[in-house]
Amino acid sequence: MEKSIINQTDFDITVTLYVAELINNNFCIKETHTIDIMPNGHKDIIYGNVVNAFISGIEVCADMNGTVLRTSQKSGSVESPFSREVNQKHLIEVKGLRSLDIELVS
């Protein structure tokens, strides 16, 4: 299995794919694959095998000028919209990253 990942941000990113085996329409995570991609860069990642063929989650981590941002999306079922999309498409584009939108009050 192979996916192409494009980093369309201005930051170095680390992308982790969570690869799972499908058991009774539910995912059982068996392995992870991690790559680093430079700003506006592109890399291909080879993952899985005949048994562990499904991506059940993606995590993106970036150091944004001293603030580490880590965000992920995961699914436990092959029937979720996220699972269908990520497993049917060949290309993953990371288009943007943002920090939390919070207000600190004393």
Protein backbone atom coordinates (compact mmCIF):
# COMPACT_ATOMS: atom_id res chain seq x y z
CA MET A 1 0.00 0.00 0.00
CA GLU A 2 1.19 3.53 -0.73
CA LYS A 3 -0.04 7.08 -0.12
CA SER A 4 1.37 10.38 -1.31
CA ILE A 5 1.39 13.16 1.27
CA ILE A 6 1.79 16.83 0.38
CA ASN A 7 2.68 19.44 2.99
CA GLN A 8 1.09 22.70 1.83
CA THR A 9 2.03 24.54 5.04
CA ASP A 10 4.97 26.79 5.89
CA PHE A 11 6.16 24.42 8.64
CA ASP A 12 8.06 21.15 8.89
CA ILE A 13 5.52 18.46 9.75
CA THR A 14 5.64 14.91 11.00
CA VAL A 15 2.84 12.68 9.71
CA THR A 16 1.94 9.35 11.33
CA LEU A 17 -0.38 6.85 9.67
CA TYR A 18 -2.14 4.35 11.95
CA VAL A 19 -2.49 1.10 10.04
CA ALA A 20 -5.01 -1.50 11.10
CA GLU A 21 -6.36 -4.94 10.47
CA LEU A 22 -10.09 -5.14 9.82
CA ILE A 23 -11.89 -7.46 12.26
CA ASN A 24 -15.71 -7.62 12.08
CA ASN A 25 -15.90 -4.17 10.42
CA ASN A 26 -13.81 -2.65 13.25
CA PHE A 27 -10.18 -1.60 13.16
CA CYS A 28 -7.46 -3.13 15.31
CA ILE A 29 -4.32 -0.96 15.03
CA LYS A 30 -1.31 -3.12 14.19
CA GLU A 31 1.40 -0.65 13.13
CA THR A 32 2.30 3.00 12.61
CA HIS A 33 4.36 4.67 9.93
CA THR A 34 5.89 8.11 10.44
CA ILE A 35 7.55 10.50 7.99
CA ASP A 36 8.85 14.07 8.13
CA ILE A 37 7.95 16.48 5.35
CA MET A 38 9.47 19.92 4.77
CA PRO A 39 7.30 22.98 4.03
CA ASN A 40 5.61 22.69 0.64
CA GLY A 41 7.20 19.25 0.26
CA HIS A 42 5.91 15.89 -0.88
CA LYS A 43 6.69 12.31 0.14
CA ASP A 44 5.34 8.87 -0.59
CA ILE A 45 4.82 6.46 2.28
CA ILE A 46 4.56 2.69 1.98
CA TYR A 47 2.49 1.01 4.66
CA GLY A 48 0.70 -2.19 5.60
CA ASN A 49 0.44 -5.58 3.97
CA VAL A 50 -2.30 -7.94 2.81
CA VAL A 51 -3.70 -8.29 6.35
CA ASN A 52 -2.96 -4.82 7.76
CA ALA A 53 -4.21 -2.82 4.81
CA PHE A 54 -6.38 -0.08 6.29
CA ILE A 55 -5.50 3.39 7.52
CA SER A 56 -7.54 3.99 10.66
CA GLY A 57 -6.00 7.33 11.61
CA ILE A 58 -3.67 10.17 10.74
CA GLU A 59 -1.68 12.38 13.12
CA VAL A 60 0.11 15.59 12.11
CA CYS A 61 2.65 17.26 14.39
CA ALA A 62 4.42 20.58 13.76
CA ASP A 63 6.65 23.00 15.63
CA MET A 64 5.05 26.36 14.90
CA ASN A 65 7.66 28.87 16.04
CA GLY A 66 8.22 27.18 19.39
CA THR A 67 4.65 25.96 19.91
CA VAL A 68 4.17 22.26 19.22
CA LEU A 69 0.86 21.51 17.54
CA ARG A 70 -0.35 17.91 17.37
CA THR A 71 -3.69 17.02 15.80
CA SER A 72 -5.17 13.72 14.72
CA GLN A 73 -8.22 12.08 13.29
CA LYS A 74 -8.99 8.42 13.90
CA SER A 75 -11.80 6.00 13.25
CA GLY A 76 -12.74 2.69 14.80
CA SER A 77 -14.96 1.52 11.95
CA VAL A 78 -14.52 0.97 8.24
CA GLU A 79 -17.99 2.45 7.72
CA SER A 80 -17.13 5.99 8.86
CA PRO A 81 -16.89 8.73 6.18
CA PHE A 82 -13.28 9.45 7.23
CA SER A 83 -12.29 5.79 6.79
CA ARG A 84 -13.91 5.52 3.38
CA GLU A 85 -12.20 8.66 2.10
CA VAL A 86 -8.70 8.03 3.48
CA ASN A 87 -8.66 4.43 2.25
CA GLN A 88 -10.05 5.14 -1.22
CA LYS A 89 -7.87 8.11 -2.13
CA HIS A 90 -4.17 7.99 -2.98
CA LEU A 91 -3.24 11.59 -2.10
CA ILE A 92 -3.33 13.26 1.33
CA GLU A 93 -2.84 17.05 1.38
CA VAL A 94 -2.07 18.83 4.64
CA LYS A 95 -3.44 22.27 3.80
CA GLY A 96 -3.15 24.16 7.05
CA LEU A 97 -2.40 24.09 10.76
CA ARG A 98 -3.65 26.34 13.52
CA SER A 99 -3.23 26.59 17.22
CA LEU A 100 -6.09 26.49 19.69
CA ASP A 101 -8.48 29.42 19.67
CA ILE A 102 -8.69 30.08 23.41
CA GLU A 103 -8.93 33.08 25.69
CA LEU A 104 -6.93 33.14 28.92
CA VAL A 105 -8.68 34.99 31.73
CA SER A 106 -7.24 35.78 35.15
